[in-house]
Amino acid sequence: MELTKLKKIRNKIFDYGTLVMFSHTIFSLSFALISMLIAGNNRLDFRTIFWIIVAFLGARTGANAINRVIDAKIDAKNPRTATRQLPQGLMKPKEVIVFSAACFAVMVFAAAKLNTICLVLSPIALFLMIIYSYTKRFTWACHIVLGVTSAAAPVGAWLAVTGKISWIPLVMGAANTVWVAGFDIIYGAQDYDFDTKNGIHSIPASFGVKNALLIARIFHAIALISLFIVGLLTPVLGTIYYIGLAVITVLFIIQHSMVSPDNLTNVKVASYNVNQVISIVFLITGLLDCLL
C-alpha cells in the first residue's frame, strides 16, 4: 500500500514537472542570476539571493501552469499537444488553477520580503504572465509578449537588489525579450498548418515560415548586440563574458542552420535544446566573470 502511494506521489510530481516544463527554467533564470550578481557587485547576502530565487520560481512555475489551463482546448485540437496532461485528463483544470494561484502567492510573498518596489510592481508581472496565454488569440506579437514576460526576471532581480532601475537591466531585459521571442518563433513554425486553419495568431502563421525564420535570426542578432552592450556597461564583466558571447554566437548559427522552411524536423532541438545550452554558457561565463 505504501509503495503504491509513493508511486502515485512520484507520478504526480513528474506530471507537474512536465506540465510546467521545469527543465526550461534555465531560460530566464540565467538572466536573473547574472543581473542579480551585477547589481550586487559581489556584496549580496543570502537572504536576498534566496527570496529572488523563490520569487522567480514561483512566477515562472505559476505562469506555465496557468498557460496550460488557458490553452487546454487549443492543445486538445492540436495533434502535437494533444498528449499533454490536461487534454489527456491526467490532471484537472481546477487543481492546476489552485497550484498556479499558490505559485503566484509565493511570488508576491517573496516580492514583499525583498522590498516595497518589488511588491508594488508584482501585479504588473502577474498581468503579463496571465495575458500572454491569451495573446495568440488576437495578435502575432504573442512571441514578443512572451519575451517581455521573461524579461521581468533580470529587471526584477535588479530591482530586488538595488531598489531602482538603470540601463543595465533594461538592456539585459531587451536581450532576454528578443532571445526568447526568437526561439519561440522557431518553435511555433511547426504549428503553421494548425494555426492558419484554426485562427491562431503567430509570426509564422501571419508572415509565413520563411519570413518567420528570418525574423527569428534578426531577433537573435539583436540579442547578441544587446548582451555585448551589457558587457560595455558593466565593469565587472570582461574577457570570460565575451568568450561566452562568442560561443553563444556559434550556437545561434548552429541553431538557425538546423531549420529551414522546407525542413522543420529539428525544430524542437533547435528551439529548446540548443537554447538550454546557450543559457548555461551565459550563466557560467557570467558567473565566472562576476565572481572571479
C-alpha atoms as a PDB file:
ATOM      1  CA  MET A   1       0.000   0.000   0.000  1.00  0.00           C
ATOM      2  CA  GLU A   2       2.767   2.428   0.960  1.00  0.00           C
ATOM      3  CA  LEU A   3       4.636   1.586  -2.234  1.00  0.00           C
ATOM      4  CA  THR A   4       1.515   2.357  -4.277  1.00  0.00           C
ATOM      5  CA  LYS A   5       1.112   5.728  -2.541  1.00  0.00           C
ATOM      6  CA  LEU A   6       4.743   6.601  -3.137  1.00  0.00           C
ATOM      7  CA  LYS A   7       4.376   5.690  -6.794  1.00  0.00           C
ATOM      8  CA  LYS A   8       1.315   7.926  -7.123  1.00  0.00           C
ATOM      9  CA  ILE A   9       3.156  10.809  -5.463  1.00  0.00           C
ATOM     10  CA  ARG A  10       6.151  10.290  -7.742  1.00  0.00           C
ATOM     11  CA  ASN A  11       3.921  10.225 -10.825  1.00  0.00           C
ATOM     12  CA  LYS A  12       2.104  13.365  -9.691  1.00  0.00           C
ATOM     13  CA  ILE A  13       5.390  15.207  -9.178  1.00  0.00           C
ATOM     14  CA  PHE A  14       6.517  14.067 -12.623  1.00  0.00           C
ATOM     15  CA  ASP A  15       3.231  15.244 -14.151  1.00  0.00           C
ATOM     16  CA  TYR A  16       3.587  18.692 -12.592  1.00  0.00           C
ATOM     17  CA  GLY A  17       7.225  18.923 -13.674  1.00  0.00           C
ATOM     18  CA  THR A  18       6.226  18.079 -17.236  1.00  0.00           C
ATOM     19  CA  LEU A  19       3.192  20.379 -17.079  1.00  0.00           C
ATOM     20  CA  VAL A  20       5.259  23.454 -16.249  1.00  0.00           C
ATOM     21  CA  MET A  21       8.269  22.383 -18.359  1.00  0.00           C
ATOM     22  CA  PHE A  22      10.565  22.689 -15.331  1.00  0.00           C
ATOM     23  CA  SER A  23      13.645  21.860 -17.417  1.00  0.00           C
ATOM     24  CA  HIS A  24      13.097  25.155 -19.273  1.00  0.00           C
ATOM     25  CA  THR A  25      13.545  27.195 -16.089  1.00  0.00           C
ATOM     26  CA  ILE A  26      17.140  27.885 -17.110  1.00  0.00           C
ATOM     27  CA  PHE A  27      15.998  30.127 -19.984  1.00  0.00           C
ATOM     28  CA  SER A  28      15.376  33.199 -17.820  1.00  0.00           C
ATOM     29  CA  LEU A  29      16.971  32.039 -14.559  1.00  0.00           C
ATOM     30  CA  SER A  30      20.404  32.611 -16.090  1.00  0.00           C
ATOM     31  CA  PHE A  31      19.486  36.234 -16.896  1.00  0.00           C
ATOM     32  CA  ALA A  32      18.018  36.775 -13.437  1.00  0.00           C
ATOM     33  CA  LEU A  33      21.107  35.434 -11.648  1.00  0.00           C
ATOM     34  CA  ILE A  34      23.614  37.413 -13.729  1.00  0.00           C
ATOM     35  CA  SER A  35      21.545  40.587 -13.307  1.00  0.00           C
ATOM     36  CA  MET A  36      21.425  39.955  -9.565  1.00  0.00           C
ATOM     37  CA  LEU A  37      25.197  39.475  -9.323  1.00  0.00           C
ATOM     38  CA  ILE A  38      25.981  42.580 -11.366  1.00  0.00           C
ATOM     39  CA  ALA A  39      23.567  44.652  -9.274  1.00  0.00           C
ATOM     40  CA  GLY A  40      25.054  43.309  -6.039  1.00  0.00           C
ATOM     41  CA  ASN A  41      28.655  43.852  -7.161  1.00  0.00           C
ATOM     42  CA  ASN A  42      29.724  40.770  -5.148  1.00  0.00           C
ATOM     43  CA  ARG A  43      28.097  42.118  -1.967  1.00  0.00           C
ATOM     44  CA  LEU A  44      24.924  40.027  -1.894  1.00  0.00           C
ATOM     45  CA  ASP A  45      23.528  38.489   1.282  1.00  0.00           C
ATOM     46  CA  PHE A  46      21.957  35.028   1.421  1.00  0.00           C
ATOM     47  CA  ARG A  47      18.514  36.426   2.278  1.00  0.00           C
ATOM     48  CA  THR A  48      18.305  38.482  -0.929  1.00  0.00           C
ATOM     49  CA  ILE A  49      19.541  35.626  -3.102  1.00  0.00           C
ATOM     50  CA  PHE A  50      17.054  33.232  -1.504  1.00  0.00           C
ATOM     51  CA  TRP A  51      13.990  35.418  -1.996  1.00  0.00           C
ATOM     52  CA  ILE A  52      14.937  36.340  -5.563  1.00  0.00           C
ATOM     53  CA  ILE A  53      15.139  32.656  -6.481  1.00  0.00           C
ATOM     54  CA  VAL A  54      11.867  31.900  -4.647  1.00  0.00           C
ATOM     55  CA  ALA A  55      10.107  34.779  -6.442  1.00  0.00           C
ATOM     56  CA  PHE A  56      11.450  33.652  -9.808  1.00  0.00           C
ATOM     57  CA  LEU A  57      10.469  30.012  -9.355  1.00  0.00           C
ATOM     58  CA  GLY A  58       7.014  30.940  -8.078  1.00  0.00           C
ATOM     59  CA  ALA A  59       6.379  33.273 -11.004  1.00  0.00           C
ATOM     60  CA  ARG A  60       7.743  31.011 -13.692  1.00  0.00           C
ATOM     61  CA  THR A  61       6.021  27.860 -12.424  1.00  0.00           C
ATOM     62  CA  GLY A  62       2.679  29.588 -11.915  1.00  0.00           C
ATOM     63  CA  ALA A  63       2.811  31.179 -15.363  1.00  0.00           C
ATOM     64  CA  ASN A  64       3.422  27.884 -17.134  1.00  0.00           C
ATOM     65  CA  ALA A  65       0.711  26.132 -15.143  1.00  0.00           C
ATOM     66  CA  ILE A  66      -1.971  28.734 -15.890  1.00  0.00           C
ATOM     67  CA  ASN A  67      -0.907  28.750 -19.550  1.00  0.00           C
ATOM     68  CA  ARG A  68      -1.744  25.047 -19.765  1.00  0.00           C
ATOM     69  CA  VAL A  69      -5.223  25.679 -18.360  1.00  0.00           C
ATOM     70  CA  ILE A  70      -5.964  28.620 -20.658  1.00  0.00           C
ATOM     71  CA  ASP A  71      -4.698  26.735 -23.724  1.00  0.00           C
ATOM     72  CA  ALA A  72      -6.218  23.356 -22.820  1.00  0.00           C
ATOM     73  CA  LYS A  73      -8.905  23.402 -25.546  1.00  0.00           C
ATOM     74  CA  ILE A  74      -6.431  24.535 -28.217  1.00  0.00           C
ATOM     75  CA  ASP A  75      -3.932  21.902 -27.073  1.00  0.00           C
ATOM     76  CA  ALA A  76      -6.613  19.212 -27.341  1.00  0.00           C
ATOM     77  CA  LYS A  77      -7.211  20.087 -31.013  1.00  0.00           C
ATOM     78  CA  ASN A  78      -3.532  20.167 -31.977  1.00  0.00           C
ATOM     79  CA  PRO A  79      -2.078  16.658 -32.592  1.00  0.00           C
ATOM     80  CA  ARG A  80       1.313  17.873 -31.348  1.00  0.00           C
ATOM     81  CA  THR A  81      -0.038  18.965 -27.955  1.00  0.00           C
ATOM     82  CA  ALA A  82      -2.995  16.601 -27.515  1.00  0.00           C
ATOM     83  CA  THR A  83      -0.852  14.311 -25.326  1.00  0.00           C
ATOM     84  CA  ARG A  84      -0.308  16.954 -22.642  1.00  0.00           C
ATOM     85  CA  GLN A  85      -1.682  16.303 -19.159  1.00  0.00           C
ATOM     86  CA  LEU A  86      -4.870  18.387 -19.321  1.00  0.00           C
ATOM     87  CA  PRO A  87      -6.074  17.218 -22.772  1.00  0.00           C
ATOM     88  CA  GLN A  88      -5.477  13.626 -21.661  1.00  0.00           C
ATOM     89  CA  GLY A  89      -7.380  14.143 -18.429  1.00  0.00           C
ATOM     90  CA  LEU A  90      -4.368  13.222 -16.286  1.00  0.00           C
ATOM     91  CA  MET A  91      -4.880  16.451 -14.335  1.00  0.00           C
ATOM     92  CA  LYS A  92      -7.979  18.525 -13.660  1.00  0.00           C
ATOM     93  CA  PRO A  93      -8.126  22.238 -14.570  1.00  0.00           C
ATOM     94  CA  LYS A  94      -9.223  23.182 -11.049  1.00  0.00           C
ATOM     95  CA  GLU A  95      -6.207  21.541  -9.396  1.00  0.00           C
ATOM     96  CA  VAL A  96      -3.836  23.249 -11.839  1.00  0.00           C
ATOM     97  CA  ILE A  97      -5.518  26.622 -11.210  1.00  0.00           C
ATOM     98  CA  VAL A  98      -5.094  26.138  -7.454  1.00  0.00           C
ATOM     99  CA  PHE A  99      -1.468  25.138  -7.999  1.00  0.00           C
ATOM    100  CA  SER A 100      -0.872  28.205 -10.173  1.00  0.00           C
ATOM    101  CA  ALA A 101      -2.543  30.520  -7.648  1.00  0.00           C
ATOM    102  CA  ALA A 102      -0.340  29.082  -4.896  1.00  0.00           C
ATOM    103  CA  CYS A 103       2.778  29.707  -7.002  1.00  0.00           C
ATOM    104  CA  PHE A 104       1.725  33.294  -7.684  1.00  0.00           C
ATOM    105  CA  ALA A 105       1.061  33.807  -3.961  1.00  0.00           C
ATOM    106  CA  VAL A 106       4.590  32.593  -3.235  1.00  0.00           C
ATOM    107  CA  MET A 107       5.925  35.066  -5.809  1.00  0.00           C
ATOM    108  CA  VAL A 108       4.072  38.004  -4.242  1.00  0.00           C
ATOM    109  CA  PHE A 109       5.159  36.972  -0.733  1.00  0.00           C
ATOM    110  CA  ALA A 110       8.788  36.730  -1.883  1.00  0.00           C
ATOM    111  CA  ALA A 111       8.498  40.154  -3.556  1.00  0.00           C
ATOM    112  CA  ALA A 112       7.239  41.597  -0.273  1.00  0.00           C
ATOM    113  CA  LYS A 113      10.227  40.095   1.536  1.00  0.00           C
ATOM    114  CA  LEU A 114      12.589  41.788  -0.918  1.00  0.00           C
ATOM    115  CA  ASN A 115      11.471  45.423  -0.974  1.00  0.00           C
ATOM    116  CA  THR A 116       8.490  47.718  -1.493  1.00  0.00           C
ATOM    117  CA  ILE A 117       9.056  48.380  -5.183  1.00  0.00           C
ATOM    118  CA  CYS A 118       9.089  44.645  -5.980  1.00  0.00           C
ATOM    119  CA  LEU A 119       5.807  44.213  -4.112  1.00  0.00           C
ATOM    120  CA  VAL A 120       4.197  47.232  -5.816  1.00  0.00           C
ATOM    121  CA  LEU A 121       5.248  46.033  -9.275  1.00  0.00           C
ATOM    122  CA  SER A 122       4.286  42.378  -8.727  1.00  0.00           C
ATOM    123  CA  PRO A 123       0.722  42.881 -10.110  1.00  0.00           C
ATOM    124  CA  ILE A 124       2.240  44.005 -13.421  1.00  0.00           C
ATOM    125  CA  ALA A 125       4.293  40.815 -13.571  1.00  0.00           C
ATOM    126  CA  LEU A 126       1.188  38.767 -12.768  1.00  0.00           C
ATOM    127  CA  PHE A 127      -0.771  40.538 -15.502  1.00  0.00           C
ATOM    128  CA  LEU A 128       1.908  39.792 -18.103  1.00  0.00           C
ATOM    129  CA  MET A 129       2.149  36.146 -17.076  1.00  0.00           C
ATOM    130  CA  ILE A 130      -1.592  35.645 -17.456  1.00  0.00           C
ATOM    131  CA  ILE A 131      -2.315  37.830 -20.504  1.00  0.00           C
ATOM    132  CA  TYR A 132       0.416  36.131 -22.552  1.00  0.00           C
ATOM    133  CA  SER A 133      -1.649  32.966 -22.792  1.00  0.00           C
ATOM    134  CA  TYR A 134      -4.474  34.891 -24.495  1.00  0.00           C
ATOM    135  CA  THR A 135      -2.366  36.857 -26.991  1.00  0.00           C
ATOM    136  CA  LYS A 136      -2.195  34.077 -29.587  1.00  0.00           C
ATOM    137  CA  ARG A 137      -5.943  34.550 -29.960  1.00  0.00           C
ATOM    138  CA  PHE A 138      -5.623  38.094 -31.322  1.00  0.00           C
ATOM    139  CA  THR A 139      -2.043  39.097 -32.246  1.00  0.00           C
ATOM    140  CA  TRP A 140       1.031  37.723 -33.986  1.00  0.00           C
ATOM    141  CA  ALA A 141       3.092  39.614 -31.382  1.00  0.00           C
ATOM    142  CA  CYS A 142       2.431  36.838 -28.850  1.00  0.00           C
ATOM    143  CA  HIS A 143       6.101  35.779 -29.095  1.00  0.00           C
ATOM    144  CA  ILE A 144       7.219  39.281 -28.132  1.00  0.00           C
ATOM    145  CA  VAL A 145       4.799  39.368 -25.186  1.00  0.00           C
ATOM    146  CA  LEU A 146       6.312  36.077 -24.013  1.00  0.00           C
ATOM    147  CA  GLY A 147       9.762  37.641 -24.319  1.00  0.00           C
ATOM    148  CA  VAL A 148       8.737  40.734 -22.341  1.00  0.00           C
ATOM    149  CA  THR A 149       7.257  38.499 -19.644  1.00  0.00           C
ATOM    150  CA  SER A 150      10.532  36.552 -19.451  1.00  0.00           C
ATOM    151  CA  ALA A 151      12.476  39.823 -19.259  1.00  0.00           C
ATOM    152  CA  ALA A 152      10.790  40.536 -15.937  1.00  0.00           C
ATOM    153  CA  ALA A 153      13.366  38.126 -14.475  1.00  0.00           C
ATOM    154  CA  PRO A 154      16.548  40.201 -14.980  1.00  0.00           C
ATOM    155  CA  VAL A 155      14.741  43.511 -14.393  1.00  0.00           C
ATOM    156  CA  GLY A 156      13.041  42.190 -11.274  1.00  0.00           C
ATOM    157  CA  ALA A 157      16.289  40.755  -9.909  1.00  0.00           C
ATOM    158  CA  TRP A 158      17.992  44.125 -10.356  1.00  0.00           C
ATOM    159  CA  LEU A 159      15.158  45.944  -8.577  1.00  0.00           C
ATOM    160  CA  ALA A 160      15.281  43.386  -5.769  1.00  0.00           C
ATOM    161  CA  VAL A 161      18.938  44.180  -5.114  1.00  0.00           C
ATOM    162  CA  THR A 162      19.097  47.938  -5.763  1.00  0.00           C
ATOM    163  CA  GLY A 163      15.517  49.158  -5.422  1.00  0.00           C
ATOM    164  CA  LYS A 164      15.951  51.279  -8.537  1.00  0.00           C
ATOM    165  CA  ILE A 165      16.194  50.847 -12.291  1.00  0.00           C
ATOM    166  CA  SER A 166      19.137  51.564 -14.616  1.00  0.00           C
ATOM    167  CA  TRP A 167      20.200  50.937 -18.204  1.00  0.00           C
ATOM    168  CA  ILE A 168      21.942  47.636 -17.476  1.00  0.00           C
ATOM    169  CA  PRO A 169      18.826  45.617 -16.523  1.00  0.00           C
ATOM    170  CA  LEU A 170      16.806  47.309 -19.274  1.00  0.00           C
ATOM    171  CA  VAL A 171      19.320  46.306 -21.948  1.00  0.00           C
ATOM    172  CA  MET A 172      19.612  42.827 -20.450  1.00  0.00           C
ATOM    173  CA  GLY A 173      15.825  42.632 -20.410  1.00  0.00           C
ATOM    174  CA  ALA A 174      15.754  43.641 -24.082  1.00  0.00           C
ATOM    175  CA  ALA A 175      18.229  40.842 -24.847  1.00  0.00           C
ATOM    176  CA  ASN A 176      16.101  38.354 -22.902  1.00  0.00           C
ATOM    177  CA  THR A 177      12.982  39.545 -24.764  1.00  0.00           C
ATOM    178  CA  VAL A 178      14.251  39.078 -28.320  1.00  0.00           C
ATOM    179  CA  TRP A 179      16.158  35.911 -27.464  1.00  0.00           C
ATOM    180  CA  VAL A 180      13.067  34.167 -26.076  1.00  0.00           C
ATOM    181  CA  ALA A 181      10.825  35.601 -28.819  1.00  0.00           C
ATOM    182  CA  GLY A 182      13.280  34.352 -31.445  1.00  0.00           C
ATOM    183  CA  PHE A 183      13.364  30.731 -30.370  1.00  0.00           C
ATOM    184  CA  ASP A 184       9.621  30.764 -29.677  1.00  0.00           C
ATOM    185  CA  ILE A 185       9.097  31.791 -33.310  1.00  0.00           C
ATOM    186  CA  ILE A 186      11.228  28.853 -34.436  1.00  0.00           C
ATOM    187  CA  TYR A 187       9.227  26.523 -32.203  1.00  0.00           C
ATOM    188  CA  GLY A 188       5.948  27.960 -33.484  1.00  0.00           C
ATOM    189  CA  ALA A 189       6.908  27.300 -37.108  1.00  0.00           C
ATOM    190  CA  GLN A 190       5.968  23.632 -36.734  1.00  0.00           C
ATOM    191  CA  ASP A 191       2.357  24.642 -35.995  1.00  0.00           C
ATOM    192  CA  TYR A 192       1.957  26.728 -39.161  1.00  0.00           C
ATOM    193  CA  ASP A 193      -0.719  24.490 -40.714  1.00  0.00           C
ATOM    194  CA  PHE A 194      -2.680  24.078 -37.491  1.00  0.00           C
ATOM    195  CA  ASP A 195      -2.511  27.781 -36.600  1.00  0.00           C
ATOM    196  CA  THR A 196      -3.618  29.022 -40.030  1.00  0.00           C
ATOM    197  CA  LYS A 197      -6.539  26.590 -40.125  1.00  0.00           C
ATOM    198  CA  ASN A 198      -7.723  27.363 -36.593  1.00  0.00           C
ATOM    199  CA  GLY A 199      -7.236  31.123 -36.455  1.00  0.00           C
ATOM    200  CA  ILE A 200      -4.294  31.020 -34.035  1.00  0.00           C
ATOM    201  CA  HIS A 201      -2.092  34.093 -34.355  1.00  0.00           C
ATOM    202  CA  SER A 202       1.690  33.801 -34.584  1.00  0.00           C
ATOM    203  CA  ILE A 203       4.506  35.270 -36.646  1.00  0.00           C
ATOM    204  CA  PRO A 204       4.832  32.069 -38.760  1.00  0.00           C
ATOM    205  CA  ALA A 205       1.063  31.999 -39.371  1.00  0.00           C
ATOM    206  CA  SER A 206       0.920  35.713 -40.213  1.00  0.00           C
ATOM    207  CA  PHE A 207       4.085  36.124 -42.280  1.00  0.00           C
ATOM    208  CA  GLY A 208       4.904  32.613 -43.443  1.00  0.00           C
ATOM    209  CA  VAL A 209       7.550  30.223 -42.182  1.00  0.00           C
ATOM    210  CA  LYS A 210      10.352  31.617 -44.368  1.00  0.00           C
ATOM    211  CA  ASN A 211       9.873  35.184 -43.139  1.00  0.00           C
ATOM    212  CA  ALA A 212       9.342  33.992 -39.580  1.00  0.00           C
ATOM    213  CA  LEU A 213      12.705  32.217 -39.505  1.00  0.00           C
ATOM    214  CA  LEU A 214      14.326  35.378 -40.885  1.00  0.00           C
ATOM    215  CA  ILE A 215      12.694  37.445 -38.127  1.00  0.00           C
ATOM    216  CA  ALA A 216      13.996  34.937 -35.555  1.00  0.00           C
ATOM    217  CA  ARG A 217      17.528  35.415 -36.922  1.00  0.00           C
ATOM    218  CA  ILE A 218      17.178  39.192 -36.664  1.00  0.00           C
ATOM    219  CA  PHE A 219      15.894  38.906 -33.107  1.00  0.00           C
ATOM    220  CA  HIS A 220      18.850  36.769 -32.094  1.00  0.00           C
ATOM    221  CA  ALA A 221      21.282  39.183 -33.734  1.00  0.00           C
ATOM    222  CA  ILE A 222      19.713  41.978 -31.663  1.00  0.00           C
ATOM    223  CA  ALA A 223      20.031  39.784 -28.557  1.00  0.00           C
ATOM    224  CA  LEU A 224      23.770  39.371 -29.162  1.00  0.00           C
ATOM    225  CA  ILE A 225      24.248  43.101 -29.712  1.00  0.00           C
ATOM    226  CA  SER A 226      22.304  43.856 -26.530  1.00  0.00           C
ATOM    227  CA  LEU A 227      24.401  41.410 -24.499  1.00  0.00           C
ATOM    228  CA  PHE A 228      27.566  42.987 -25.914  1.00  0.00           C
ATOM    229  CA  ILE A 229      26.290  46.399 -24.766  1.00  0.00           C
ATOM    230  CA  VAL A 230      25.623  44.940 -21.309  1.00  0.00           C
ATOM    231  CA  GLY A 231      29.288  43.967 -21.190  1.00  0.00           C
ATOM    232  CA  LEU A 232      30.319  47.511 -22.100  1.00  0.00           C
ATOM    233  CA  LEU A 233      28.058  48.995 -19.423  1.00  0.00           C
ATOM    234  CA  THR A 234      29.230  46.599 -16.706  1.00  0.00           C
ATOM    235  CA  PRO A 235      32.779  46.937 -15.319  1.00  0.00           C
ATOM    236  CA  VAL A 236      32.653  43.513 -13.631  1.00  0.00           C
ATOM    237  CA  LEU A 237      32.194  41.716 -16.949  1.00  0.00           C
ATOM    238  CA  GLY A 238      35.264  41.112 -19.070  1.00  0.00           C
ATOM    239  CA  THR A 239      37.158  38.539 -21.127  1.00  0.00           C
ATOM    240  CA  ILE A 240      35.357  35.431 -19.885  1.00  0.00           C
ATOM    241  CA  TYR A 241      31.973  37.020 -20.562  1.00  0.00           C
ATOM    242  CA  TYR A 242      32.942  37.928 -24.133  1.00  0.00           C
ATOM    243  CA  ILE A 243      34.276  34.419 -24.726  1.00  0.00           C
ATOM    244  CA  GLY A 244      30.836  33.249 -23.646  1.00  0.00           C
ATOM    245  CA  LEU A 245      29.202  35.578 -26.168  1.00  0.00           C
ATOM    246  CA  ALA A 246      31.466  34.172 -28.890  1.00  0.00           C
ATOM    247  CA  VAL A 247      30.358  30.633 -28.011  1.00  0.00           C
ATOM    248  CA  ILE A 248      26.728  31.776 -27.951  1.00  0.00           C
ATOM    249  CA  THR A 249      27.163  33.300 -31.415  1.00  0.00           C
ATOM    250  CA  VAL A 250      28.338  29.938 -32.744  1.00  0.00           C
ATOM    251  CA  LEU A 251      25.409  28.208 -31.052  1.00  0.00           C
ATOM    252  CA  PHE A 252      22.980  30.678 -32.639  1.00  0.00           C
ATOM    253  CA  ILE A 253      24.460  29.910 -36.055  1.00  0.00           C
ATOM    254  CA  ILE A 254      24.117  26.171 -35.414  1.00  0.00           C
ATOM    255  CA  GLN A 255      20.552  26.659 -34.200  1.00  0.00           C
ATOM    256  CA  HIS A 256      19.437  28.506 -37.314  1.00  0.00           C
ATOM    257  CA  SER A 257      21.264  26.141 -39.642  1.00  0.00           C
ATOM    258  CA  MET A 258      19.207  23.262 -38.223  1.00  0.00           C
ATOM    259  CA  VAL A 259      15.877  24.577 -39.523  1.00  0.00           C
ATOM    260  CA  SER A 260      14.586  25.808 -42.869  1.00  0.00           C
ATOM    261  CA  PRO A 261      11.154  26.415 -44.411  1.00  0.00           C
ATOM    262  CA  ASP A 262      11.456  23.043 -46.138  1.00  0.00           C
ATOM    263  CA  ASN A 263      12.798  21.094 -43.163  1.00  0.00           C
ATOM    264  CA  LEU A 264      11.388  21.635 -39.676  1.00  0.00           C
ATOM    265  CA  THR A 265      12.340  18.202 -38.387  1.00  0.00           C
ATOM    266  CA  ASN A 266      14.804  19.610 -35.844  1.00  0.00           C
ATOM    267  CA  VAL A 267      12.622  22.468 -34.598  1.00  0.00           C
ATOM    268  CA  LYS A 268      12.390  21.177 -31.025  1.00  0.00           C
ATOM    269  CA  VAL A 269      16.134  20.590 -30.736  1.00  0.00           C
ATOM    270  CA  ALA A 270      16.931  23.967 -32.331  1.00  0.00           C
ATOM    271  CA  SER A 271      14.478  25.986 -30.272  1.00  0.00           C
ATOM    272  CA  TYR A 272      14.760  24.276 -26.889  1.00  0.00           C
ATOM    273  CA  ASN A 273      17.825  22.053 -26.519  1.00  0.00           C
ATOM    274  CA  VAL A 274      20.300  24.437 -28.163  1.00  0.00           C
ATOM    275  CA  ASN A 275      18.936  27.356 -26.164  1.00  0.00           C
ATOM    276  CA  GLN A 276      19.285  25.415 -22.928  1.00  0.00           C
ATOM    277  CA  VAL A 277      22.988  25.129 -23.752  1.00  0.00           C
ATOM    278  CA  ILE A 278      23.091  28.849 -24.601  1.00  0.00           C
ATOM    279  CA  SER A 279      21.534  29.633 -21.208  1.00  0.00           C
ATOM    280  CA  ILE A 280      24.109  27.512 -19.401  1.00  0.00           C
ATOM    281  CA  VAL A 281      27.005  29.105 -21.301  1.00  0.00           C
ATOM    282  CA  PHE A 282      25.682  32.575 -20.487  1.00  0.00           C
ATOM    283  CA  LEU A 283      25.225  31.664 -16.827  1.00  0.00           C
ATOM    284  CA  ILE A 284      28.620  30.022 -16.349  1.00  0.00           C
ATOM    285  CA  THR A 285      30.697  32.658 -18.140  1.00  0.00           C
ATOM    286  CA  GLY A 286      28.755  35.472 -16.494  1.00  0.00           C
ATOM    287  CA  LEU A 287      29.165  33.877 -13.064  1.00  0.00           C
ATOM    288  CA  LEU A 288      32.885  33.393 -13.547  1.00  0.00           C
ATOM    289  CA  ASP A 289      33.414  36.999 -14.571  1.00  0.00           C
ATOM    290  CA  CYS A 290      31.274  38.333 -11.713  1.00  0.00           C
ATOM    291  CA  LEU A 291      32.834  36.169  -9.022  1.00  0.00           C
ATOM    292  CA  LEU A 292      36.495  35.918 -10.019  1.00  0.00           C
END
